[in-house]
Amino acid sequence: MKPLIQIVRHEYEEPYHLNLVVKATNGNTAGNLEFYISADSLIEWADGMESFPVHQRSVYLFELGSERPEDRCAYYFRLRLFTTNSRGHCAIQFRFSNNLELPFRESSEFCIAAEAA
């Protein structure tokens, strides 16, 4: 299987809030998560990805929710872009967690190698 990133938008309380399902795989490991995001946060996410990388050691981090039980979040989503060398190679790190109690908890974390366009 080839690396894949798929984002599906379901109609919700637009234009202020969006319901997204993010599915990703690096070919070996896969994950997906459904979550809700404000339109402003989605624009921030897109702007950060579009301007990446800024320099040789660039990192862009977008997090939504928390995995800490005391924060009582329904989910955790992390998207981290980082450079891996000075030739423009980079990687996209995903972390998905539904934050449910065992035995219903689902989480995955992996990277997809990429090149900045």
PDB file of N, CA and C in Angstrom:
ATOM      1  N   MET A   1       0.833  -1.180   0.000  1.00  0.00           N
ATOM      2  CA  MET A   1       0.000   0.000   0.000  1.00  0.00           C
ATOM      3  C   MET A   1       0.883   1.251   0.000  1.00  0.00           C
ATOM      4  N   LYS A   2       0.496   2.237  -0.758  1.00  0.00           N
ATOM      5  CA  LYS A   2       1.239   3.490  -0.836  1.00  0.00           C
ATOM      6  C   LYS A   2       0.828   4.426   0.295  1.00  0.00           C
ATOM      7  N   PRO A   3       1.707   5.386   0.642  1.00  0.00           N
ATOM      8  CA  PRO A   3       1.318   6.402   1.623  1.00  0.00           C
ATOM      9  C   PRO A   3       0.094   7.170   1.126  1.00  0.00           C
ATOM     10  N   LEU A   4      -0.762   7.533   2.065  1.00  0.00           N
ATOM     11  CA  LEU A   4      -2.015   8.202   1.727  1.00  0.00           C
ATOM     12  C   LEU A   4      -2.433   9.116   2.868  1.00  0.00           C
ATOM     13  N   ILE A   5      -2.916  10.299   2.521  1.00  0.00           N
ATOM     14  CA  ILE A   5      -3.559  11.199   3.475  1.00  0.00           C
ATOM     15  C   ILE A   5      -4.886  11.601   2.855  1.00  0.00           C
ATOM     16  N   GLN A   6      -5.963  11.360   3.574  1.00  0.00           N
ATOM     17  CA  GLN A   6      -7.298  11.689   3.078  1.00  0.00           C
ATOM     18  C   GLN A   6      -8.032  12.478   4.160  1.00  0.00           C
ATOM     19  N   ILE A   7      -8.615  13.612   3.766  1.00  0.00           N
ATOM     20  CA  ILE A   7      -9.401  14.433   4.682  1.00  0.00           C
ATOM     21  C   ILE A   7     -10.804  14.560   4.097  1.00  0.00           C
ATOM     22  N   VAL A   8     -11.792  14.119   4.850  1.00  0.00           N
ATOM     23  CA  VAL A   8     -13.186  14.180   4.416  1.00  0.00           C
ATOM     24  C   VAL A   8     -13.926  15.148   5.343  1.00  0.00           C
ATOM     25  N   ARG A   9     -14.671  16.063   4.746  1.00  0.00           N
ATOM     26  CA  ARG A   9     -15.454  17.036   5.502  1.00  0.00           C
ATOM     27  C   ARG A   9     -16.921  16.637   5.450  1.00  0.00           C
ATOM     28  N   HIS A  10     -17.534  16.552   6.625  1.00  0.00           N
ATOM     29  CA  HIS A  10     -18.971  16.295   6.720  1.00  0.00           C
ATOM     30  C   HIS A  10     -19.646  17.595   7.136  1.00  0.00           C
ATOM     31  N   GLU A  11     -20.788  17.874   6.551  1.00  0.00           N
ATOM     32  CA  GLU A  11     -21.489  19.112   6.891  1.00  0.00           C
ATOM     33  C   GLU A  11     -21.848  19.107   8.369  1.00  0.00           C
ATOM     34  N   TYR A  12     -21.649  20.264   8.990  1.00  0.00           N
ATOM     35  CA  TYR A  12     -21.911  20.414  10.417  1.00  0.00           C
ATOM     36  C   TYR A  12     -22.418  21.824  10.641  1.00  0.00           C
ATOM     37  N   GLU A  13     -21.870  22.583  11.540  1.00  0.00           N
ATOM     38  CA  GLU A  13     -22.302  23.941  11.844  1.00  0.00           C
ATOM     39  C   GLU A  13     -21.462  24.954  11.069  1.00  0.00           C
ATOM     40  N   GLU A  14     -21.444  24.771   9.767  1.00  0.00           N
ATOM     41  CA  GLU A  14     -20.631  25.659   8.938  1.00  0.00           C
ATOM     42  C   GLU A  14     -21.292  27.021   8.827  1.00  0.00           C
ATOM     43  N   PRO A  15     -20.553  28.064   8.692  1.00  0.00           N
ATOM     44  CA  PRO A  15     -19.135  28.135   8.368  1.00  0.00           C
ATOM     45  C   PRO A  15     -18.226  28.219   9.593  1.00  0.00           C
ATOM     46  N   TYR A  16     -18.757  28.056  10.800  1.00  0.00           N
ATOM     47  CA  TYR A  16     -17.946  28.278  12.002  1.00  0.00           C
ATOM     48  C   TYR A  16     -17.224  27.026  12.493  1.00  0.00           C
ATOM     49  N   HIS A  17     -17.859  25.872  12.392  1.00  0.00           N
ATOM     50  CA  HIS A  17     -17.261  24.624  12.846  1.00  0.00           C
ATOM     51  C   HIS A  17     -17.336  23.587  11.733  1.00  0.00           C
ATOM     52  N   LEU A  18     -16.322  22.758  11.671  1.00  0.00           N
ATOM     53  CA  LEU A  18     -16.258  21.716  10.646  1.00  0.00           C
ATOM     54  C   LEU A  18     -16.125  20.350  11.315  1.00  0.00           C
ATOM     55  N   ASN A  19     -16.692  19.345  10.700  1.00  0.00           N
ATOM     56  CA  ASN A  19     -16.557  17.963  11.125  1.00  0.00           C
ATOM     57  C   ASN A  19     -15.654  17.276  10.101  1.00  0.00           C
ATOM     58  N   LEU A  20     -14.449  16.885  10.522  1.00  0.00           N
ATOM     59  CA  LEU A  20     -13.490  16.268   9.611  1.00  0.00           C
ATOM     60  C   LEU A  20     -13.183  14.840  10.027  1.00  0.00           C
ATOM     61  N   VAL A  21     -12.877  14.018   9.046  1.00  0.00           N
ATOM     62  CA  VAL A  21     -12.328  12.680   9.273  1.00  0.00           C
ATOM     63  C   VAL A  21     -10.992  12.651   8.536  1.00  0.00           C
ATOM     64  N   VAL A  22      -9.918  12.459   9.289  1.00  0.00           N
ATOM     65  CA  VAL A  22      -8.578  12.370   8.703  1.00  0.00           C
ATOM     66  C   VAL A  22      -8.158  10.909   8.732  1.00  0.00           C
ATOM     67  N   LYS A  23      -7.797  10.398   7.564  1.00  0.00           N
ATOM     68  CA  LYS A  23      -7.278   9.038   7.426  1.00  0.00           C
ATOM     69  C   LYS A  23      -5.887   9.157   6.828  1.00  0.00           C
ATOM     70  N   ALA A  24      -4.947   8.386   7.353  1.00  0.00           N
ATOM     71  CA  ALA A  24      -3.580   8.425   6.835  1.00  0.00           C
ATOM     72  C   ALA A  24      -2.932   7.058   7.003  1.00  0.00           C
ATOM     73  N   THR A  25      -1.988   6.775   6.116  1.00  0.00           N
ATOM     74  CA  THR A  25      -1.183   5.566   6.209  1.00  0.00           C
ATOM     75  C   THR A  25       0.182   5.832   5.595  1.00  0.00           C
ATOM     76  N   ASN A  26       1.189   5.173   6.127  1.00  0.00           N
ATOM     77  CA  ASN A  26       2.518   5.234   5.516  1.00  0.00           C
ATOM     78  C   ASN A  26       2.788   3.971   4.696  1.00  0.00           C
ATOM     79  N   GLY A  27       1.785   3.137   4.544  1.00  0.00           N
ATOM     80  CA  GLY A  27       1.923   1.886   3.815  1.00  0.00           C
ATOM     81  C   GLY A  27       2.014   0.693   4.742  1.00  0.00           C
ATOM     82  N   ASN A  28       2.502   0.905   5.957  1.00  0.00           N
ATOM     83  CA  ASN A  28       2.599  -0.158   6.950  1.00  0.00           C
ATOM     84  C   ASN A  28       1.625   0.045   8.105  1.00  0.00           C
ATOM     85  N   THR A  29       1.505   1.270   8.553  1.00  0.00           N
ATOM     86  CA  THR A  29       0.660   1.620   9.685  1.00  0.00           C
ATOM     87  C   THR A  29      -0.374   2.632   9.227  1.00  0.00           C
ATOM     88  N   ALA A  30      -1.570   2.534   9.781  1.00  0.00           N
ATOM     89  CA  ALA A  30      -2.643   3.450   9.388  1.00  0.00           C
ATOM     90  C   ALA A  30      -3.373   3.950  10.621  1.00  0.00           C
ATOM     91  N   GLY A  31      -4.070   5.044  10.450  1.00  0.00           N
ATOM     92  CA  GLY A  31      -4.891   5.587  11.516  1.00  0.00           C
ATOM     93  C   GLY A  31      -5.933   6.507  10.945  1.00  0.00           C
ATOM     94  N   ASN A  32      -6.977   6.730  11.724  1.00  0.00           N
ATOM     95  CA  ASN A  32      -7.992   7.699  11.327  1.00  0.00           C
ATOM     96  C   ASN A  32      -8.662   8.231  12.574  1.00  0.00           C
ATOM     97  N   LEU A  33      -9.223   9.423  12.436  1.00  0.00           N
ATOM     98  CA  LEU A  33      -9.881  10.066  13.568  1.00  0.00           C
ATOM     99  C   LEU A  33     -10.912  11.048  13.047  1.00  0.00           C
ATOM    100  N   GLU A  34     -12.074  11.027  13.657  1.00  0.00           N
ATOM    101  CA  GLU A  34     -13.109  12.018  13.362  1.00  0.00           C
ATOM    102  C   GLU A  34     -13.061  13.065  14.465  1.00  0.00           C
ATOM    103  N   PHE A  35     -13.061  14.345  14.073  1.00  0.00           N
ATOM    104  CA  PHE A  35     -13.011  15.412  15.069  1.00  0.00           C
ATOM    105  C   PHE A  35     -13.688  16.666  14.544  1.00  0.00           C
ATOM    106  N   TYR A  36     -13.863  17.607  15.426  1.00  0.00           N
ATOM    107  CA  TYR A  36     -14.501  18.881  15.104  1.00  0.00           C
ATOM    108  C   TYR A  36     -13.466  19.983  15.264  1.00  0.00           C
ATOM    109  N   ILE A  37     -13.510  20.953  14.357  1.00  0.00           N
ATOM    110  CA  ILE A  37     -12.501  22.008  14.341  1.00  0.00           C
ATOM    111  C   ILE A  37     -13.170  23.313  13.901  1.00  0.00           C
ATOM    112  N   SER A  38     -12.677  24.406  14.441  1.00  0.00           N
ATOM    113  CA  SER A  38     -13.209  25.700  14.001  1.00  0.00           C
ATOM    114  C   SER A  38     -12.618  26.040  12.637  1.00  0.00           C
ATOM    115  N   ALA A  39     -13.335  26.831  11.899  1.00  0.00           N
ATOM    116  CA  ALA A  39     -12.841  27.253  10.583  1.00  0.00           C
ATOM    117  C   ALA A  39     -11.529  28.021  10.732  1.00  0.00           C
ATOM    118  N   ASP A  40     -11.408  28.839  11.769  1.00  0.00           N
ATOM    119  CA  ASP A  40     -10.172  29.599  11.998  1.00  0.00           C
ATOM    120  C   ASP A  40      -8.981  28.674  12.257  1.00  0.00           C
ATOM    121  N   SER A  41      -9.204  27.598  13.025  1.00  0.00           N
ATOM    122  CA  SER A  41      -8.121  26.638  13.286  1.00  0.00           C
ATOM    123  C   SER A  41      -7.700  25.910  12.018  1.00  0.00           C
ATOM    124  N   LEU A  42      -8.667  25.617  11.167  1.00  0.00           N
ATOM    125  CA  LEU A  42      -8.338  24.952   9.900  1.00  0.00           C
ATOM    126  C   LEU A  42      -7.516  25.867   9.006  1.00  0.00           C
ATOM    127  N   ILE A  43      -7.828  27.141   8.999  1.00  0.00           N
ATOM    128  CA  ILE A  43      -7.040  28.106   8.221  1.00  0.00           C
ATOM    129  C   ILE A  43      -5.624  28.199   8.781  1.00  0.00           C
ATOM    130  N   GLU A  44      -5.487  28.214  10.106  1.00  0.00           N
ATOM    131  CA  GLU A  44      -4.163  28.235  10.745  1.00  0.00           C
ATOM    132  C   GLU A  44      -3.358  27.000  10.353  1.00  0.00           C
ATOM    133  N   TRP A  45      -4.010  25.845  10.362  1.00  0.00           N
ATOM    134  CA  TRP A  45      -3.388  24.576   9.988  1.00  0.00           C
ATOM    135  C   TRP A  45      -2.910  24.647   8.533  1.00  0.00           C
ATOM    136  N   ALA A  46      -3.760  25.104   7.638  1.00  0.00           N
ATOM    137  CA  ALA A  46      -3.406  25.195   6.217  1.00  0.00           C
ATOM    138  C   ALA A  46      -2.267  26.180   5.979  1.00  0.00           C
ATOM    139  N   ASP A  47      -2.317  27.339   6.642  1.00  0.00           N
ATOM    140  CA  ASP A  47      -1.244  28.330   6.489  1.00  0.00           C
ATOM    141  C   ASP A  47       0.096  27.783   6.968  1.00  0.00           C
ATOM    142  N   GLY A  48       0.088  27.056   8.075  1.00  0.00           N
ATOM    143  CA  GLY A  48       1.324  26.467   8.597  1.00  0.00           C
ATOM    144  C   GLY A  48       1.919  25.439   7.660  1.00  0.00           C
ATOM    145  N   MET A  49       1.071  24.627   7.059  1.00  0.00           N
ATOM    146  CA  MET A  49       1.559  23.614   6.121  1.00  0.00           C
ATOM    147  C   MET A  49       2.051  24.250   4.831  1.00  0.00           C
ATOM    148  N   GLU A  50       1.355  25.292   4.375  1.00  0.00           N
ATOM    149  CA  GLU A  50       1.719  25.935   3.120  1.00  0.00           C
ATOM    150  C   GLU A  50       3.073  26.634   3.205  1.00  0.00           C
ATOM    151  N   SER A  51       3.395  27.206   4.357  1.00  0.00           N
ATOM    152  CA  SER A  51       4.658  27.944   4.507  1.00  0.00           C
ATOM    153  C   SER A  51       5.813  27.059   4.978  1.00  0.00           C
ATOM    154  N   PHE A  52       5.585  25.780   5.176  1.00  0.00           N
ATOM    155  CA  PHE A  52       6.635  24.865   5.634  1.00  0.00           C
ATOM    156  C   PHE A  52       7.507  24.422   4.473  1.00  0.00           C
ATOM    157  N   PRO A  53       8.806  24.300   4.581  1.00  0.00           N
ATOM    158  CA  PRO A  53       9.655  24.673   5.709  1.00  0.00           C
ATOM    159  C   PRO A  53      10.138  26.119   5.587  1.00  0.00           C
ATOM    160  N   VAL A  54      10.352  26.727   6.713  1.00  0.00           N
ATOM    161  CA  VAL A  54      10.845  28.099   6.747  1.00  0.00           C
ATOM    162  C   VAL A  54      12.366  28.117   6.670  1.00  0.00           C
ATOM    163  N   HIS A  55      12.999  27.144   7.314  1.00  0.00           N
ATOM    164  CA  HIS A  55      14.460  27.037   7.317  1.00  0.00           C
ATOM    165  C   HIS A  55      14.850  25.569   7.433  1.00  0.00           C
ATOM    166  N   GLN A  56      16.144  25.308   7.494  1.00  0.00           N
ATOM    167  CA  GLN A  56      16.686  23.946   7.448  1.00  0.00           C
ATOM    168  C   GLN A  56      16.201  23.061   8.603  1.00  0.00           C
ATOM    169  N   ARG A  57      15.940  23.639   9.754  1.00  0.00           N
ATOM    170  CA  ARG A  57      15.505  22.854  10.917  1.00  0.00           C
ATOM    171  C   ARG A  57      14.052  23.168  11.289  1.00  0.00           C
ATOM    172  N   SER A  58      13.229  23.409  10.304  1.00  0.00           N
ATOM    173  CA  SER A  58      11.837  23.779  10.541  1.00  0.00           C
ATOM    174  C   SER A  58      11.026  22.647  11.168  1.00  0.00           C
ATOM    175  N   VAL A  59      10.097  23.058  12.014  1.00  0.00           N
ATOM    176  CA  VAL A  59       9.106  22.148  12.592  1.00  0.00           C
ATOM    177  C   VAL A  59       7.783  22.903  12.621  1.00  0.00           C
ATOM    178  N   TYR A  60       6.725  22.252  12.172  1.00  0.00           N
ATOM    179  CA  TYR A  60       5.379  22.810  12.302  1.00  0.00           C
ATOM    180  C   TYR A  60       4.554  21.807  13.095  1.00  0.00           C
ATOM    181  N   LEU A  61       3.897  22.274  14.138  1.00  0.00           N
ATOM    182  CA  LEU A  61       3.115  21.397  15.005  1.00  0.00           C
ATOM    183  C   LEU A  61       1.687  21.904  15.089  1.00  0.00           C
ATOM    184  N   PHE A  62       0.730  21.008  14.833  1.00  0.00           N
ATOM    185  CA  PHE A  62      -0.685  21.311  15.005  1.00  0.00           C
ATOM    186  C   PHE A  62      -1.275  20.228  15.896  1.00  0.00           C
ATOM    187  N   GLU A  63      -1.847  20.633  17.023  1.00  0.00           N
ATOM    188  CA  GLU A  63      -2.459  19.690  17.948  1.00  0.00           C
ATOM    189  C   GLU A  63      -3.894  20.111  18.231  1.00  0.00           C
ATOM    190  N   LEU A  64      -4.731  19.121  18.402  1.00  0.00           N
ATOM    191  CA  LEU A  64      -6.128  19.356  18.720  1.00  0.00           C
ATOM    192  C   LEU A  64      -6.523  18.348  19.784  1.00  0.00           C
ATOM    193  N   GLY A  65      -7.041  18.817  20.910  1.00  0.00           N
ATOM    194  CA  GLY A  65      -7.406  17.937  22.007  1.00  0.00           C
ATOM    195  C   GLY A  65      -6.208  17.657  22.889  1.00  0.00           C
ATOM    196  N   SER A  66      -6.321  16.621  23.708  1.00  0.00           N
ATOM    197  CA  SER A  66      -5.268  16.244  24.649  1.00  0.00           C
ATOM    198  C   SER A  66      -5.419  14.769  24.983  1.00  0.00           C
ATOM    199  N   GLU A  67      -4.304  14.126  25.322  1.00  0.00           N
ATOM    200  CA  GLU A  67      -4.346  12.728  25.771  1.00  0.00           C
ATOM    201  C   GLU A  67      -4.335  12.627  27.291  1.00  0.00           C
ATOM    202  N   ARG A  68      -4.187  13.745  27.964  1.00  0.00           N
ATOM    203  CA  ARG A  68      -4.161  13.735  29.423  1.00  0.00           C
ATOM    204  C   ARG A  68      -5.577  13.519  29.954  1.00  0.00           C
ATOM    205  N   PRO A  69      -5.805  12.483  30.749  1.00  0.00           N
ATOM    206  CA  PRO A  69      -7.156  12.197  31.251  1.00  0.00           C
ATOM    207  C   PRO A  69      -7.782  13.375  32.011  1.00  0.00           C
ATOM    208  N   GLU A  70      -6.969  14.119  32.730  1.00  0.00           N
ATOM    209  CA  GLU A  70      -7.504  15.239  33.506  1.00  0.00           C
ATOM    210  C   GLU A  70      -8.022  16.379  32.623  1.00  0.00           C
ATOM    211  N   ASP A  71      -7.614  16.418  31.354  1.00  0.00           N
ATOM    212  CA  ASP A  71      -8.116  17.436  30.435  1.00  0.00           C
ATOM    213  C   ASP A  71      -9.493  17.077  29.863  1.00  0.00           C
ATOM    214  N   ARG A  72      -9.900  15.821  30.025  1.00  0.00           N
ATOM    215  CA  ARG A  72     -11.225  15.334  29.623  1.00  0.00           C
ATOM    216  C   ARG A  72     -11.580  15.672  28.176  1.00  0.00           C
ATOM    217  N   CYS A  73     -10.652  15.452  27.266  1.00  0.00           N
ATOM    218  CA  CYS A  73     -10.893  15.671  25.833  1.00  0.00           C
ATOM    219  C   CYS A  73     -11.377  14.381  25.188  1.00  0.00           C
ATOM    220  N   ALA A  74     -12.234  14.532  24.206  1.00  0.00           N
ATOM    221  CA  ALA A  74     -12.810  13.367  23.524  1.00  0.00           C
ATOM    222  C   ALA A  74     -11.818  12.698  22.579  1.00  0.00           C
ATOM    223  N   TYR A  75     -10.761  13.419  22.172  1.00  0.00           N
ATOM    224  CA  TYR A  75      -9.810  12.872  21.219  1.00  0.00           C
ATOM    225  C   TYR A  75      -8.526  13.691  21.269  1.00  0.00           C
ATOM    226  N   TYR A  76      -7.510  13.151  20.587  1.00  0.00           N
ATOM    227  CA  TYR A  76      -6.253  13.875  20.424  1.00  0.00           C
ATOM    228  C   TYR A  76      -5.780  13.665  18.990  1.00  0.00           C
ATOM    229  N   PHE A  77      -5.422  14.761  18.333  1.00  0.00           N
ATOM    230  CA  PHE A  77      -4.898  14.719  16.972  1.00  0.00           C
ATOM    231  C   PHE A  77      -3.632  15.564  16.927  1.00  0.00           C
ATOM    232  N   ARG A  78      -2.559  14.981  16.436  1.00  0.00           N
ATOM    233  CA  ARG A  78      -1.309  15.732  16.253  1.00  0.00           C
ATOM    234  C   ARG A  78      -0.823  15.536  14.827  1.00  0.00           C
ATOM    235  N   LEU A  79      -0.470  16.653  14.217  1.00  0.00           N
ATOM    236  CA  LEU A  79       0.169  16.662  12.904  1.00  0.00           C
ATOM    237  C   LEU A  79       1.447  17.460  13.083  1.00  0.00           C
ATOM    238  N   ARG A  80       2.570  16.830  12.836  1.00  0.00           N
ATOM    239  CA  ARG A  80       3.862  17.489  12.998  1.00  0.00           C
ATOM    240  C   ARG A  80       4.659  17.326  11.717  1.00  0.00           C
ATOM    241  N   LEU A  81       5.084  18.434  11.144  1.00  0.00           N
ATOM    242  CA  LEU A  81       5.959  18.425   9.978  1.00  0.00           C
ATOM    243  C   LEU A  81       7.358  18.789  10.451  1.00  0.00           C
ATOM    244  N   PHE A  82       8.354  18.072   9.966  1.00  0.00           N
ATOM    245  CA  PHE A  82       9.723  18.402  10.358  1.00  0.00           C
ATOM    246  C   PHE A  82      10.683  18.026   9.243  1.00  0.00           C
ATOM    247  N   THR A  83      11.775  18.759   9.164  1.00  0.00           N
ATOM    248  CA  THR A  83      12.786  18.469   8.152  1.00  0.00           C
ATOM    249  C   THR A  83      13.669  17.336   8.669  1.00  0.00           C
ATOM    250  N   THR A  84      14.166  16.525   7.738  1.00  0.00           N
ATOM    251  CA  THR A  84      15.028  15.405   8.115  1.00  0.00           C
ATOM    252  C   THR A  84      16.462  15.580   7.642  1.00  0.00           C
ATOM    253  N   ASN A  85      16.687  16.509   6.701  1.00  0.00           N
ATOM    254  CA  ASN A  85      18.048  16.802   6.248  1.00  0.00           C
ATOM    255  C   ASN A  85      18.068  18.153   5.550  1.00  0.00           C
ATOM    256  N   SER A  86      19.232  18.566   5.108  1.00  0.00           N
ATOM    257  CA  SER A  86      19.380  19.892   4.496  1.00  0.00           C
ATOM    258  C   SER A  86      18.983  19.917   3.017  1.00  0.00           C
ATOM    259  N   ARG A  87      18.619  18.779   2.447  1.00  0.00           N
ATOM    260  CA  ARG A  87      18.263  18.713   1.026  1.00  0.00           C
ATOM    261  C   ARG A  87      16.773  18.854   0.761  1.00  0.00           C
ATOM    262  N   GLY A  88      16.004  19.232   1.765  1.00  0.00           N
ATOM    263  CA  GLY A  88      14.582  19.443   1.567  1.00  0.00           C
ATOM    264  C   GLY A  88      13.699  18.258   1.895  1.00  0.00           C
ATOM    265  N   HIS A  89      14.293  17.178   2.376  1.00  0.00           N
ATOM    266  CA  HIS A  89      13.472  16.034   2.773  1.00  0.00           C
ATOM    267  C   HIS A  89      12.830  16.334   4.123  1.00  0.00           C
ATOM    268  N   CYS A  90      11.643  15.842   4.286  1.00  0.00           N
ATOM    269  CA  CYS A  90      10.930  16.081   5.529  1.00  0.00           C
ATOM    270  C   CYS A  90      10.040  14.878   5.820  1.00  0.00           C
ATOM    271  N   ALA A  91       9.303  14.964   6.908  1.00  0.00           N
ATOM    272  CA  ALA A  91       8.370  13.898   7.281  1.00  0.00           C
ATOM    273  C   ALA A  91       7.139  14.524   7.910  1.00  0.00           C
ATOM    274  N   ILE A  92       6.052  13.793   7.822  1.00  0.00           N
ATOM    275  CA  ILE A  92       4.792  14.178   8.436  1.00  0.00           C
ATOM    276  C   ILE A  92       4.496  13.145   9.515  1.00  0.00           C
ATOM    277  N   GLN A  93       4.425  13.593  10.750  1.00  0.00           N
ATOM    278  CA  GLN A  93       4.124  12.692  11.854  1.00  0.00           C
ATOM    279  C   GLN A  93       2.655  12.859  12.238  1.00  0.00           C
ATOM    280  N   PHE A  94       1.964  11.740  12.350  1.00  0.00           N
ATOM    281  CA  PHE A  94       0.572  11.730  12.787  1.00  0.00           C
ATOM    282  C   PHE A  94       0.477  11.019  14.126  1.00  0.00           C
ATOM    283  N   ARG A  95      -0.404  11.489  14.976  1.00  0.00           N
ATOM    284  CA  ARG A  95      -0.792  10.768  16.189  1.00  0.00           C
ATOM    285  C   ARG A  95      -2.294  10.932  16.333  1.00  0.00           C
ATOM    286  N   PHE A  96      -2.986   9.803  16.411  1.00  0.00           N
ATOM    287  CA  PHE A  96      -4.434   9.762  16.572  1.00  0.00           C
ATOM    288  C   PHE A  96      -4.768   9.025  17.869  1.00  0.00           C
ATOM    289  N   SER A  97      -5.716   9.528  18.628  1.00  0.00           N
ATOM    290  CA  SER A  97      -6.202   8.801  19.807  1.00  0.00           C
ATOM    291  C   SER A  97      -7.668   9.149  20.034  1.00  0.00           C
ATOM    292  N   ASN A  98      -8.488   8.115  20.256  1.00  0.00           N
ATOM    293  CA  ASN A  98      -9.901   8.367  20.534  1.00  0.00           C
ATOM    294  C   ASN A  98     -10.162   8.586  22.024  1.00  0.00           C
ATOM    295  N   ASN A  99      -9.147   8.436  22.858  1.00  0.00           N
ATOM    296  CA  ASN A  99      -9.193   8.703  24.305  1.00  0.00           C
ATOM    297  C   ASN A  99     -10.242   7.900  25.066  1.00  0.00           C
ATOM    298  N   LEU A 100     -10.669   6.780  24.525  1.00  0.00           N
ATOM    299  CA  LEU A 100     -11.631   5.947  25.244  1.00  0.00           C
ATOM    300  C   LEU A 100     -10.914   5.086  26.278  1.00  0.00           C
ATOM    301  N   GLU A 101     -11.670   4.564  27.221  1.00  0.00           N
ATOM    302  CA  GLU A 101     -11.132   3.646  28.218  1.00  0.00           C
ATOM    303  C   GLU A 101     -10.867   2.289  27.567  1.00  0.00           C
ATOM    304  N   LEU A 102      -9.928   1.553  28.121  1.00  0.00           N
ATOM    305  CA  LEU A 102      -9.679   0.192  27.654  1.00  0.00           C
ATOM    306  C   LEU A 102     -10.926  -0.641  27.894  1.00  0.00           C
ATOM    307  N   PRO A 103     -11.314  -1.510  27.064  1.00  0.00           N
ATOM    308  CA  PRO A 103     -10.657  -2.053  25.888  1.00  0.00           C
ATOM    309  C   PRO A 103     -11.056  -1.358  24.588  1.00  0.00           C
ATOM    310  N   PHE A 104     -11.655  -0.170  24.661  1.00  0.00           N
ATOM    311  CA  PHE A 104     -12.144   0.504  23.462  1.00  0.00           C
ATOM    312  C   PHE A 104     -11.183   1.566  22.925  1.00  0.00           C
ATOM    313  N   ARG A 105     -10.065   1.761  23.588  1.00  0.00           N
ATOM    314  CA  ARG A 105      -9.099   2.777  23.175  1.00  0.00           C
ATOM    315  C   ARG A 105      -8.450   2.388  21.854  1.00  0.00           C
ATOM    316  N   GLU A 106      -8.311   3.386  20.986  1.00  0.00           N
ATOM    317  CA  GLU A 106      -7.615   3.214  19.710  1.00  0.00           C
ATOM    318  C   GLU A 106      -6.653   4.374  19.546  1.00  0.00           C
ATOM    319  N   SER A 107      -5.400   4.051  19.259  1.00  0.00           N
ATOM    320  CA  SER A 107      -4.414   5.107  19.003  1.00  0.00           C
ATOM    321  C   SER A 107      -3.392   4.591  18.002  1.00  0.00           C
ATOM    322  N   SER A 108      -2.828   5.514  17.268  1.00  0.00           N
ATOM    323  CA  SER A 108      -1.768   5.158  16.327  1.00  0.00           C
ATOM    324  C   SER A 108      -0.856   6.359  16.150  1.00  0.00           C
ATOM    325  N   GLU A 109       0.402   6.066  15.855  1.00  0.00           N
ATOM    326  CA  GLU A 109       1.402   7.103  15.623  1.00  0.00           C
ATOM    327  C   GLU A 109       2.391   6.580  14.597  1.00  0.00           C
ATOM    328  N   PHE A 110       2.672   7.400  13.584  1.00  0.00           N
ATOM    329  CA  PHE A 110       3.593   7.011  12.526  1.00  0.00           C
ATOM    330  C   PHE A 110       3.980   8.229  11.735  1.00  0.00           C
ATOM    331  N   CYS A 111       4.971   8.064  10.876  1.00  0.00           N
ATOM    332  CA  CYS A 111       5.443   9.138  10.003  1.00  0.00           C
ATOM    333  C   CYS A 111       5.316   8.726   8.547  1.00  0.00           C
ATOM    334  N   ILE A 112       5.174   9.728   7.694  1.00  0.00           N
ATOM    335  CA  ILE A 112       5.209   9.553   6.254  1.00  0.00           C
ATOM    336  C   ILE A 112       6.346  10.413   5.726  1.00  0.00           C
ATOM    337  N   ALA A 113       7.302   9.799   5.056  1.00  0.00           N
ATOM    338  CA  ALA A 113       8.408  10.557   4.465  1.00  0.00           C
ATOM    339  C   ALA A 113       7.870  11.396   3.321  1.00  0.00           C
ATOM    340  N   ALA A 114       8.427  12.622   3.170  1.00  0.00           N
ATOM    341  CA  ALA A 114       7.907  13.540   2.150  1.00  0.00           C
ATOM    342  C   ALA A 114       9.030  14.472   1.691  1.00  0.00           C
ATOM    343  N   GLU A 115       8.726  15.241   0.662  1.00  0.00           N
ATOM    344  CA  GLU A 115       9.605  16.305   0.205  1.00  0.00           C
ATOM    345  C   GLU A 115       8.795  17.585   0.145  1.00  0.00           C
ATOM    346  N   ALA A 116       9.355  18.659   0.658  1.00  0.00           N
ATOM    347  CA  ALA A 116       8.657  19.942   0.638  1.00  0.00           C
ATOM    348  C   ALA A 116       8.531  20.427  -0.806  1.00  0.00           C
ATOM    349  N   ALA A 117       7.342  20.834  -1.171  1.00  0.00           N
ATOM    350  CA  ALA A 117       7.113  21.292  -2.537  1.00  0.00           C
ATOM    351  C   ALA A 117       7.339  22.796  -2.650  1.00  0.00           C
TER     352      ALA A 117
END
